[in-house]
PDB file of N, CA and C in Angstrom:
ATOM      1  N   MET A   1      -3.865  -3.340 -23.481  1.00  0.00           N
ATOM      2  CA  MET A   1      -2.753  -3.000 -24.837  1.00  0.00           C
ATOM      3  C   MET A   1      -0.868  -2.608 -23.214  1.00  0.00           C
ATOM      4  N   LEU A   2      -1.181  -1.304 -22.918  1.00  0.00           N
ATOM      5  CA  LEU A   2      -0.099  -1.171 -22.005  1.00  0.00           C
ATOM      6  C   LEU A   2      -0.009  -2.454 -20.353  1.00  0.00           C
ATOM      7  N   GLU A   3      -1.467  -3.394 -20.404  1.00  0.00           N
ATOM      8  CA  GLU A   3      -0.869  -4.175 -19.264  1.00  0.00           C
ATOM      9  C   GLU A   3      -0.041  -4.802 -20.072  1.00  0.00           C
ATOM     10  N   ASP A   4       0.147  -5.135 -20.793  1.00  0.00           N
ATOM     11  CA  ASP A   4       1.141  -5.946 -21.806  1.00  0.00           C
ATOM     12  C   ASP A   4       2.716  -5.432 -21.384  1.00  0.00           C
ATOM     13  N   PHE A   5       3.165  -4.309 -20.396  1.00  0.00           N
ATOM     14  CA  PHE A   5       4.352  -4.121 -20.144  1.00  0.00           C
ATOM     15  C   PHE A   5       4.946  -4.460 -18.071  1.00  0.00           C
ATOM     16  N   HIS A   6       3.505  -3.923 -18.287  1.00  0.00           N
ATOM     17  CA  HIS A   6       3.115  -4.015 -16.716  1.00  0.00           C
ATOM     18  C   HIS A   6       3.541  -5.573 -15.427  1.00  0.00           C
ATOM     19  N   GLY A   7       4.855  -4.685 -15.077  1.00  0.00           N
ATOM     20  CA  GLY A   7       5.238  -7.010 -14.400  1.00  0.00           C
ATOM     21  C   GLY A   7       6.280  -6.944 -14.767  1.00  0.00           C
ATOM     22  N   ASP A   8       7.051  -6.335 -16.574  1.00  0.00           N
ATOM     23  CA  ASP A   8       7.972  -7.147 -17.220  1.00  0.00           C
ATOM     24  C   ASP A   8       9.715  -6.474 -16.518  1.00  0.00           C
ATOM     25  N   GLU A   9       9.743  -5.679 -14.826  1.00  0.00           N
ATOM     26  CA  GLU A   9      10.526  -5.154 -15.441  1.00  0.00           C
ATOM     27  C   GLU A   9      11.164  -4.242 -15.462  1.00  0.00           C
ATOM     28  N   THR A  10      10.101  -3.153 -16.817  1.00  0.00           N
ATOM     29  CA  THR A  10      11.700  -2.378 -17.280  1.00  0.00           C
ATOM     30  C   THR A  10      11.493  -1.110 -16.441  1.00  0.00           C
ATOM     31  N   GLY A  11      11.171  -0.771 -16.098  1.00  0.00           N
ATOM     32  CA  GLY A  11      10.652   0.326 -14.522  1.00  0.00           C
ATOM     33  C   GLY A  11      11.579  -0.717 -13.590  1.00  0.00           C
ATOM     34  N   GLN A  12      11.584  -2.096 -13.530  1.00  0.00           N
ATOM     35  CA  GLN A  12      12.395  -1.480 -12.453  1.00  0.00           C
ATOM     36  C   GLN A  12      14.061  -1.625 -12.833  1.00  0.00           C
ATOM     37  N   ALA A  13      14.255  -1.782 -13.680  1.00  0.00           N
ATOM     38  CA  ALA A  13      15.507  -1.111 -14.724  1.00  0.00           C
ATOM     39  C   ALA A  13      16.195  -0.435 -15.108  1.00  0.00           C
ATOM     40  N   LEU A  14      15.338   0.603 -14.919  1.00  0.00           N
ATOM     41  CA  LEU A  14      15.124   1.890 -15.251  1.00  0.00           C
ATOM     42  C   LEU A  14      15.693   3.023 -14.142  1.00  0.00           C
ATOM     43  N   LEU A  15      14.994   2.112 -13.257  1.00  0.00           N
ATOM     44  CA  LEU A  15      14.857   3.107 -12.326  1.00  0.00           C
ATOM     45  C   LEU A  15      16.279   2.294 -10.698  1.00  0.00           C
ATOM     46  N   ASP A  16      17.553   1.403 -11.084  1.00  0.00           N
ATOM     47  CA  ASP A  16      18.008   0.566 -11.476  1.00  0.00           C
ATOM     48  C   ASP A  16      19.616   1.985 -12.347  1.00  0.00           C
ATOM     49  N   ALA A  17      19.119   1.602 -12.590  1.00  0.00           N
ATOM     50  CA  ALA A  17      20.364   2.323 -13.660  1.00  0.00           C
ATOM     51  C   ALA A  17      20.088   4.144 -13.172  1.00  0.00           C
ATOM     52  N   VAL A  18      18.765   4.545 -13.359  1.00  0.00           N
ATOM     53  CA  VAL A  18      19.179   6.003 -13.305  1.00  0.00           C
ATOM     54  C   VAL A  18      19.704   6.508 -11.742  1.00  0.00           C
ATOM     55  N   LEU A  19      18.844   5.304 -10.959  1.00  0.00           N
ATOM     56  CA  LEU A  19      19.029   5.636  -9.622  1.00  0.00           C
ATOM     57  C   LEU A  19      19.936   4.925  -8.695  1.00  0.00           C
ATOM     58  N   GLY A  20      19.592   3.367  -8.360  1.00  0.00           N
ATOM     59  CA  GLY A  20      20.525   2.865  -8.023  1.00  0.00           C
ATOM     60  C   GLY A  20      19.989   2.852  -6.488  1.00  0.00           C
ATOM     61  N   ASP A  21      20.518   2.540  -5.667  1.00  0.00           N
ATOM     62  CA  ASP A  21      19.997   3.205  -4.035  1.00  0.00           C
ATOM     63  C   ASP A  21      20.648   4.096  -3.689  1.00  0.00           C
ATOM     64  N   GLU A  22      20.350   5.916  -4.168  1.00  0.00           N
ATOM     65  CA  GLU A  22      21.204   6.548  -3.914  1.00  0.00           C
ATOM     66  C   GLU A  22      19.702   7.037  -3.749  1.00  0.00           C
ATOM     67  N   PRO A  23      19.782   8.186  -2.385  1.00  0.00           N
ATOM     68  CA  PRO A  23      18.245   9.533  -1.981  1.00  0.00           C
ATOM     69  C   PRO A  23      17.568   9.623  -2.826  1.00  0.00           C
ATOM     70  N   ALA A  24      16.484   9.820  -2.700  1.00  0.00           N
ATOM     71  CA  ALA A  24      15.496  10.353  -4.367  1.00  0.00           C
ATOM     72  C   ALA A  24      14.264  11.220  -3.410  1.00  0.00           C
ATOM     73  N   VAL A  25      14.540  11.755  -4.607  1.00  0.00           N
ATOM     74  CA  VAL A  25      12.143  12.265  -4.243  1.00  0.00           C
ATOM     75  C   VAL A  25      11.803  12.369  -5.320  1.00  0.00           C
ATOM     76  N   LEU A  26      10.509  11.757  -4.890  1.00  0.00           N
ATOM     77  CA  LEU A  26       9.417  12.208  -6.716  1.00  0.00           C
ATOM     78  C   LEU A  26       8.342  12.054  -5.774  1.00  0.00           C
ATOM     79  N   TRP A  27       7.066  13.014  -7.057  1.00  0.00           N
ATOM     80  CA  TRP A  27       6.066  13.149  -6.489  1.00  0.00           C
ATOM     81  C   TRP A  27       4.998  11.315  -7.676  1.00  0.00           C
ATOM     82  N   VAL A  28       4.158  11.197  -7.031  1.00  0.00           N
ATOM     83  CA  VAL A  28       2.935  10.511  -7.430  1.00  0.00           C
ATOM     84  C   VAL A  28       2.430  11.028  -7.094  1.00  0.00           C
ATOM     85  N   ALA A  29       1.160  10.087  -8.167  1.00  0.00           N
ATOM     86  CA  ALA A  29       0.050  10.067  -8.567  1.00  0.00           C
ATOM     87  C   ALA A  29      -0.596   9.649  -6.707  1.00  0.00           C
ATOM     88  N   ALA A  30      -1.246  10.218  -5.781  1.00  0.00           N
ATOM     89  CA  ALA A  30      -1.793   8.898  -5.148  1.00  0.00           C
ATOM     90  C   ALA A  30      -2.725   8.697  -5.160  1.00  0.00           C
ATOM     91  N   GLN A  31      -3.013   7.838  -6.685  1.00  0.00           N
ATOM     92  CA  GLN A  31      -4.247   7.333  -6.711  1.00  0.00           C
ATOM     93  C   GLN A  31      -4.518   6.806  -7.784  1.00  0.00           C
ATOM     94  N   ASN A  32      -2.992   6.581  -7.067  1.00  0.00           N
ATOM     95  CA  ASN A  32      -1.360   5.982  -8.636  1.00  0.00           C
ATOM     96  C   ASN A  32      -1.718   3.937  -7.272  1.00  0.00           C
ATOM     97  N   PRO A  33      -2.107   3.413  -6.895  1.00  0.00           N
ATOM     98  CA  PRO A  33      -1.963   2.251  -5.621  1.00  0.00           C
ATOM     99  C   PRO A  33      -0.470   1.133  -6.173  1.00  0.00           C
ATOM    100  N   ARG A  34      -0.507   1.151  -8.462  1.00  0.00           N
ATOM    101  CA  ARG A  34       0.589   0.223  -8.332  1.00  0.00           C
ATOM    102  C   ARG A  34       1.922   0.850  -8.398  1.00  0.00           C
ATOM    103  N   ALA A  35       2.141   2.854  -8.287  1.00  0.00           N
ATOM    104  CA  ALA A  35       3.704   2.704  -8.571  1.00  0.00           C
ATOM    105  C   ALA A  35       3.548   2.751  -7.357  1.00  0.00           C
ATOM    106  N   ILE A  36       2.589   3.436  -6.806  1.00  0.00           N
ATOM    107  CA  ILE A  36       2.543   3.989  -5.035  1.00  0.00           C
ATOM    108  C   ILE A  36       4.264   2.320  -4.251  1.00  0.00           C
ATOM    109  N   ARG A  37       2.716   0.904  -4.959  1.00  0.00           N
ATOM    110  CA  ARG A  37       3.727   0.050  -4.160  1.00  0.00           C
ATOM    111  C   ARG A  37       4.791  -0.104  -5.260  1.00  0.00           C
ATOM    112  N   PHE A  38       4.742   0.397  -5.713  1.00  0.00           N
ATOM    113  CA  PHE A  38       6.690   0.460  -6.604  1.00  0.00           C
ATOM    114  C   PHE A  38       7.478   0.736  -6.816  1.00  0.00           C
ATOM    115  N   TYR A  39       7.058   1.753  -6.230  1.00  0.00           N
ATOM    116  CA  TYR A  39       7.969   2.846  -5.197  1.00  0.00           C
ATOM    117  C   TYR A  39       8.462   2.377  -4.074  1.00  0.00           C
ATOM    118  N   GLU A  40       7.213   1.553  -3.126  1.00  0.00           N
ATOM    119  CA  GLU A  40       7.523   1.451  -1.821  1.00  0.00           C
ATOM    120  C   GLU A  40       8.675  -0.160  -2.322  1.00  0.00           C
ATOM    121  N   ARG A  41       7.549  -0.587  -2.834  1.00  0.00           N
ATOM    122  CA  ARG A  41       9.066  -1.799  -3.015  1.00  0.00           C
ATOM    123  C   ARG A  41      10.699  -1.598  -3.158  1.00  0.00           C
ATOM    124  N   ASN A  42      10.981  -0.122  -2.916  1.00  0.00           N
ATOM    125  CA  ASN A  42      12.218   0.530  -3.778  1.00  0.00           C
ATOM    126  C   ASN A  42      12.314   1.887  -2.811  1.00  0.00           C
ATOM    127  N   GLY A  43      12.641   1.570  -1.494  1.00  0.00           N
ATOM    128  CA  GLY A  43      12.395   2.227  -0.201  1.00  0.00           C
ATOM    129  C   GLY A  43      11.739   3.662   0.168  1.00  0.00           C
ATOM    130  N   PHE A  44      10.850   3.590  -1.289  1.00  0.00           N
ATOM    131  CA  PHE A  44       9.953   5.148  -1.318  1.00  0.00           C
ATOM    132  C   PHE A  44       9.011   5.175  -0.002  1.00  0.00           C
ATOM    133  N   ALA A  45       8.904   6.090   1.137  1.00  0.00           N
ATOM    134  CA  ALA A  45       8.184   6.653   1.539  1.00  0.00           C
ATOM    135  C   ALA A  45       7.709   8.403   1.821  1.00  0.00           C
ATOM    136  N   PHE A  46       5.656   7.988   1.772  1.00  0.00           N
ATOM    137  CA  PHE A  46       5.590   9.073   1.602  1.00  0.00           C
ATOM    138  C   PHE A  46       5.970   9.969   2.109  1.00  0.00           C
ATOM    139  N   ASP A  47       6.212  11.369   2.447  1.00  0.00           N
ATOM    140  CA  ASP A  47       6.812  12.448   3.521  1.00  0.00           C
ATOM    141  C   ASP A  47       5.895  13.341   4.259  1.00  0.00           C
ATOM    142  N   GLY A  48       4.670  13.239   3.225  1.00  0.00           N
ATOM    143  CA  GLY A  48       3.290  13.942   4.437  1.00  0.00           C
ATOM    144  C   GLY A  48       3.316  15.159   3.300  1.00  0.00           C
ATOM    145  N   VAL A  49       4.124  15.343   2.193  1.00  0.00           N
ATOM    146  CA  VAL A  49       2.960  16.578   1.403  1.00  0.00           C
ATOM    147  C   VAL A  49       3.264  16.296   0.725  1.00  0.00           C
ATOM    148  N   SER A  50       2.142  16.678  -0.139  1.00  0.00           N
ATOM    149  CA  SER A  50       0.690  16.995  -1.884  1.00  0.00           C
ATOM    150  C   SER A  50       0.831  18.157  -1.681  1.00  0.00           C
ATOM    151  N   GLU A  51       0.310  18.146  -3.572  1.00  0.00           N
ATOM    152  CA  GLU A  51      -0.126  19.490  -4.111  1.00  0.00           C
ATOM    153  C   GLU A  51      -1.075  18.825  -4.738  1.00  0.00           C
ATOM    154  N   ASP A  52      -2.152  19.485  -5.746  1.00  0.00           N
ATOM    155  CA  ASP A  52      -3.251  19.414  -6.094  1.00  0.00           C
ATOM    156  C   ASP A  52      -2.794  20.018  -7.542  1.00  0.00           C
ATOM    157  N   ASP A  53      -2.824  19.313  -8.491  1.00  0.00           N
ATOM    158  CA  ASP A  53      -2.644  18.786 -10.131  1.00  0.00           C
ATOM    159  C   ASP A  53      -3.399  20.614 -10.286  1.00  0.00           C
ATOM    160  N   PRO A  54      -3.271  21.722 -10.912  1.00  0.00           N
ATOM    161  CA  PRO A  54      -4.139  22.666 -11.786  1.00  0.00           C
ATOM    162  C   PRO A  54      -4.885  22.268 -12.501  1.00  0.00           C
ATOM    163  N   ALA A  55      -3.927  21.027 -13.804  1.00  0.00           N
ATOM    164  CA  ALA A  55      -3.911  20.590 -15.475  1.00  0.00           C
ATOM    165  C   ALA A  55      -4.455  19.383 -14.949  1.00  0.00           C
ATOM    166  N   ALA A  56      -4.778  18.911 -13.609  1.00  0.00           N
ATOM    167  CA  ALA A  56      -5.196  18.552 -13.497  1.00  0.00           C
ATOM    168  C   ALA A  56      -6.048  17.276 -12.152  1.00  0.00           C
ATOM    169  N   PRO A  57      -7.530  18.303 -12.460  1.00  0.00           N
ATOM    170  CA  PRO A  57      -8.226  18.576 -10.986  1.00  0.00           C
ATOM    171  C   PRO A  57      -8.590  17.493  -9.815  1.00  0.00           C
ATOM    172  N   LYS A  58      -8.341  15.808 -10.421  1.00  0.00           N
ATOM    173  CA  LYS A  58      -8.906  14.642  -9.983  1.00  0.00           C
ATOM    174  C   LYS A  58      -7.374  13.859  -9.701  1.00  0.00           C
ATOM    175  N   ILE A  59      -6.754  14.794  -9.793  1.00  0.00           N
ATOM    176  CA  ILE A  59      -5.527  13.555  -8.983  1.00  0.00           C
ATOM    177  C   ILE A  59      -4.696  14.592  -8.030  1.00  0.00           C
ATOM    178  N   THR A  60      -4.098  14.008  -7.149  1.00  0.00           N
ATOM    179  CA  THR A  60      -3.292  15.053  -5.765  1.00  0.00           C
ATOM    180  C   THR A  60      -1.902  14.406  -6.559  1.00  0.00           C
ATOM    181  N   ASP A  61      -0.606  14.333  -6.174  1.00  0.00           N
ATOM    182  CA  ASP A  61       0.072  14.486  -6.167  1.00  0.00           C
ATOM    183  C   ASP A  61       0.849  14.401  -4.737  1.00  0.00           C
ATOM    184  N   ALA A  62       1.051  13.411  -4.804  1.00  0.00           N
ATOM    185  CA  ALA A  62       2.617  13.188  -3.424  1.00  0.00           C
ATOM    186  C   ALA A  62       3.531  13.504  -3.027  1.00  0.00           C
ATOM    187  N   ARG A  63       4.391  13.834  -2.398  1.00  0.00           N
ATOM    188  CA  ARG A  63       6.313  13.553  -2.721  1.00  0.00           C
ATOM    189  C   ARG A  63       6.599  12.453  -1.403  1.00  0.00           C
ATOM    190  N   MET A  64       6.946  11.612  -2.480  1.00  0.00           N
ATOM    191  CA  MET A  64       7.789  10.736  -1.805  1.00  0.00           C
ATOM    192  C   MET A  64       9.774  10.515  -1.908  1.00  0.00           C
ATOM    193  N   ILE A  65      10.294  10.323  -0.593  1.00  0.00           N
ATOM    194  CA  ILE A  65      11.465   9.926   0.041  1.00  0.00           C
ATOM    195  C   ILE A  65      12.658   9.191   0.168  1.00  0.00           C
ATOM    196  N   ARG A  66      12.729   8.848  -0.744  1.00  0.00           N
ATOM    197  CA  ARG A  66      14.104   7.803   0.304  1.00  0.00           C
ATOM    198  C   ARG A  66      15.718   7.907   0.571  1.00  0.00           C
TER     199      ARG A  66
END
């Protein structure tokens, strides 16, 4: 169901509309390789900071910057 929306360019359009090429900081689930690849394609890189999410103990949040 949600897979129908993967790759439809909506995420790219939203990112472009909100951030353009401006510097930014975001948090991404380290266990989400698809999201990580998306952000890397848009110039983001991990800066080495991460946190465990107490509300979701199996998820580690990792910070990305550009």
